[in-house]
Amino acid sequence: MRGVRSVTLRAVYDQVLADIAITPSRGGFTAISDEQISVMYESPAQLGRAVHEAMKKATA
């Protein structure tokens, strides 16, 4: 597909959402592991900003 961008989110939690790894992809399918962002969950807005930053690093 042309122009596809994606990110993968993986969360670790034990009753409470904690660490989230966000990995941008190349061409929508190949993970760019060296560009992975790891955040501690604080709020939906903070998670949204982290996903937005990862989407900037994802390539079409």
N, C-alpha and C. Protein backbone atom coordinates (compact mmCIF):
# COMPACT_ATOMS: atom_id res chain seq x y z
N MET A 1 0.82 -1.18 0.00
CA MET A 1 0.00 0.00 0.00
C MET A 1 0.87 1.24 0.00
N ARG A 2 0.43 2.22 -0.69
CA ARG A 2 1.19 3.45 -0.79
C ARG A 2 0.77 4.43 0.30
N GLY A 3 1.75 5.04 0.95
CA GLY A 3 1.48 6.06 1.93
C GLY A 3 1.00 5.57 3.28
N VAL A 4 1.21 4.29 3.58
CA VAL A 4 0.75 3.75 4.86
C VAL A 4 1.77 4.05 5.95
N ARG A 5 1.30 4.58 7.07
CA ARG A 5 2.13 4.81 8.25
C ARG A 5 1.43 4.13 9.42
N SER A 6 2.21 3.53 10.30
CA SER A 6 1.59 2.90 11.46
C SER A 6 2.55 2.88 12.63
N VAL A 7 1.99 2.68 13.80
CA VAL A 7 2.77 2.47 15.01
C VAL A 7 2.18 1.28 15.74
N THR A 8 3.00 0.62 16.54
CA THR A 8 2.56 -0.49 17.36
C THR A 8 2.68 -0.09 18.82
N LEU A 9 1.66 -0.36 19.59
CA LEU A 9 1.68 -0.08 21.02
C LEU A 9 1.67 -1.39 21.78
N ARG A 10 2.57 -1.52 22.75
CA ARG A 10 2.60 -2.68 23.64
C ARG A 10 2.62 -2.16 25.06
N ALA A 11 1.68 -2.63 25.86
CA ALA A 11 1.56 -2.14 27.23
C ALA A 11 1.84 -3.24 28.23
N VAL A 12 2.48 -2.86 29.32
CA VAL A 12 2.72 -3.74 30.46
C VAL A 12 1.86 -3.22 31.60
N TYR A 13 1.08 -4.09 32.19
CA TYR A 13 0.25 -3.66 33.30
C TYR A 13 -0.02 -4.80 34.27
N ASP A 14 -0.21 -4.43 35.51
CA ASP A 14 -0.61 -5.33 36.56
C ASP A 14 -1.64 -4.58 37.40
N GLN A 15 -2.89 -4.70 37.00
CA GLN A 15 -4.01 -3.96 37.59
C GLN A 15 -4.01 -2.49 37.16
N VAL A 16 -2.85 -1.90 36.94
CA VAL A 16 -2.75 -0.50 36.53
C VAL A 16 -1.84 -0.43 35.31
N LEU A 17 -2.26 0.32 34.30
CA LEU A 17 -1.45 0.51 33.11
C LEU A 17 -0.16 1.22 33.48
N ALA A 18 0.97 0.67 33.06
CA ALA A 18 2.25 1.24 33.47
C ALA A 18 3.10 1.64 32.27
N ASP A 19 3.97 0.75 31.82
CA ASP A 19 4.93 1.05 30.76
C ASP A 19 4.32 0.74 29.39
N ILE A 20 4.48 1.67 28.46
CA ILE A 20 3.96 1.49 27.10
C ILE A 20 5.10 1.71 26.12
N ALA A 21 5.32 0.73 25.24
CA ALA A 21 6.32 0.85 24.18
C ALA A 21 5.59 1.18 22.88
N ILE A 22 6.04 2.23 22.20
CA ILE A 22 5.43 2.67 20.95
C ILE A 22 6.49 2.58 19.86
N THR A 23 6.24 1.75 18.85
CA THR A 23 7.22 1.53 17.80
C THR A 23 6.67 1.96 16.45
N PRO A 24 7.31 2.93 15.79
CA PRO A 24 6.88 3.32 14.45
C PRO A 24 7.26 2.25 13.43
N SER A 25 6.58 2.26 12.29
CA SER A 25 6.85 1.28 11.25
C SER A 25 7.26 1.95 9.95
N ARG A 26 8.00 1.21 9.16
CA ARG A 26 8.42 1.66 7.83
C ARG A 26 7.47 1.01 6.83
N GLY A 27 6.84 1.81 6.03
CA GLY A 27 5.93 1.28 5.02
C GLY A 27 4.68 0.66 5.62
N GLY A 28 4.44 0.91 6.90
CA GLY A 28 3.26 0.38 7.55
C GLY A 28 3.40 -1.05 8.04
N PHE A 29 4.55 -1.70 7.76
CA PHE A 29 4.67 -3.11 8.08
C PHE A 29 5.95 -3.50 8.81
N THR A 30 7.05 -2.80 8.58
CA THR A 30 8.34 -3.16 9.17
C THR A 30 8.65 -2.25 10.34
N ALA A 31 8.77 -2.83 11.53
CA ALA A 31 9.04 -2.05 12.73
C ALA A 31 10.40 -1.37 12.65
N ILE A 32 10.48 -0.13 13.13
CA ILE A 32 11.74 0.60 13.22
C ILE A 32 12.12 0.57 14.71
N SER A 33 12.72 -0.52 15.14
CA SER A 33 13.00 -0.76 16.55
C SER A 33 13.88 0.30 17.20
N ASP A 34 14.86 0.83 16.45
CA ASP A 34 15.75 1.83 17.04
C ASP A 34 15.06 3.17 17.27
N GLU A 35 13.84 3.34 16.79
CA GLU A 35 13.07 4.57 17.00
C GLU A 35 11.96 4.37 18.04
N GLN A 36 11.98 3.24 18.75
CA GLN A 36 10.95 2.94 19.74
C GLN A 36 10.94 3.97 20.86
N ILE A 37 9.74 4.35 21.28
CA ILE A 37 9.54 5.29 22.38
C ILE A 37 8.92 4.50 23.54
N SER A 38 9.44 4.69 24.73
CA SER A 38 8.89 4.03 25.91
C SER A 38 8.41 5.12 26.88
N VAL A 39 7.15 5.01 27.31
CA VAL A 39 6.59 6.01 28.23
C VAL A 39 5.89 5.31 29.38
N MET A 40 5.87 5.98 30.51
CA MET A 40 5.06 5.55 31.64
C MET A 40 3.71 6.25 31.50
N TYR A 41 2.65 5.50 31.54
CA TYR A 41 1.32 6.07 31.34
C TYR A 41 0.96 7.05 32.44
N GLU A 42 0.54 8.24 32.04
CA GLU A 42 0.10 9.26 32.97
C GLU A 42 -1.35 9.68 32.70
N SER A 43 -1.64 9.88 31.40
CA SER A 43 -2.98 10.33 31.02
C SER A 43 -3.21 10.02 29.54
N PRO A 44 -4.48 10.04 29.11
CA PRO A 44 -4.76 9.84 27.69
C PRO A 44 -4.07 10.89 26.81
N ALA A 45 -4.02 12.13 27.28
CA ALA A 45 -3.39 13.20 26.49
C ALA A 45 -1.89 12.94 26.32
N GLN A 46 -1.24 12.51 27.37
CA GLN A 46 0.20 12.22 27.31
C GLN A 46 0.46 11.05 26.35
N LEU A 47 -0.39 10.02 26.40
CA LEU A 47 -0.24 8.89 25.49
C LEU A 47 -0.47 9.33 24.05
N GLY A 48 -1.45 10.18 23.83
CA GLY A 48 -1.72 10.71 22.49
C GLY A 48 -0.54 11.48 21.92
N ARG A 49 0.11 12.30 22.76
CA ARG A 49 1.30 13.04 22.31
C ARG A 49 2.42 12.08 21.92
N ALA A 50 2.62 11.02 22.71
CA ALA A 50 3.68 10.04 22.42
C ALA A 50 3.39 9.30 21.10
N VAL A 51 2.14 8.95 20.88
CA VAL A 51 1.77 8.29 19.62
C VAL A 51 1.98 9.25 18.45
N HIS A 52 1.64 10.50 18.62
CA HIS A 52 1.83 11.51 17.58
C HIS A 52 3.32 11.64 17.22
N GLU A 53 4.19 11.66 18.23
CA GLU A 53 5.63 11.73 17.99
C GLU A 53 6.12 10.49 17.23
N ALA A 54 5.62 9.33 17.59
CA ALA A 54 6.01 8.10 16.89
C ALA A 54 5.53 8.11 15.44
N MET A 55 4.34 8.66 15.20
CA MET A 55 3.84 8.75 13.82
C MET A 55 4.71 9.65 12.97
N LYS A 56 5.31 10.67 13.55
CA LYS A 56 6.24 11.53 12.81
C LYS A 56 7.45 10.75 12.34
N LYS A 57 7.86 9.74 13.13
CA LYS A 57 9.04 8.93 12.80
C LYS A 57 8.71 7.78 11.85
N ALA A 58 7.44 7.41 11.78
CA ALA A 58 7.03 6.35 10.86
C ALA A 58 7.17 6.86 9.43
N THR A 59 7.61 6.01 8.55
CA THR A 59 7.79 6.41 7.16
C THR A 59 6.82 5.66 6.25
N ALA A 60 6.42 6.33 5.21
CA ALA A 60 5.48 5.73 4.26
C ALA A 60 6.20 4.87 3.26
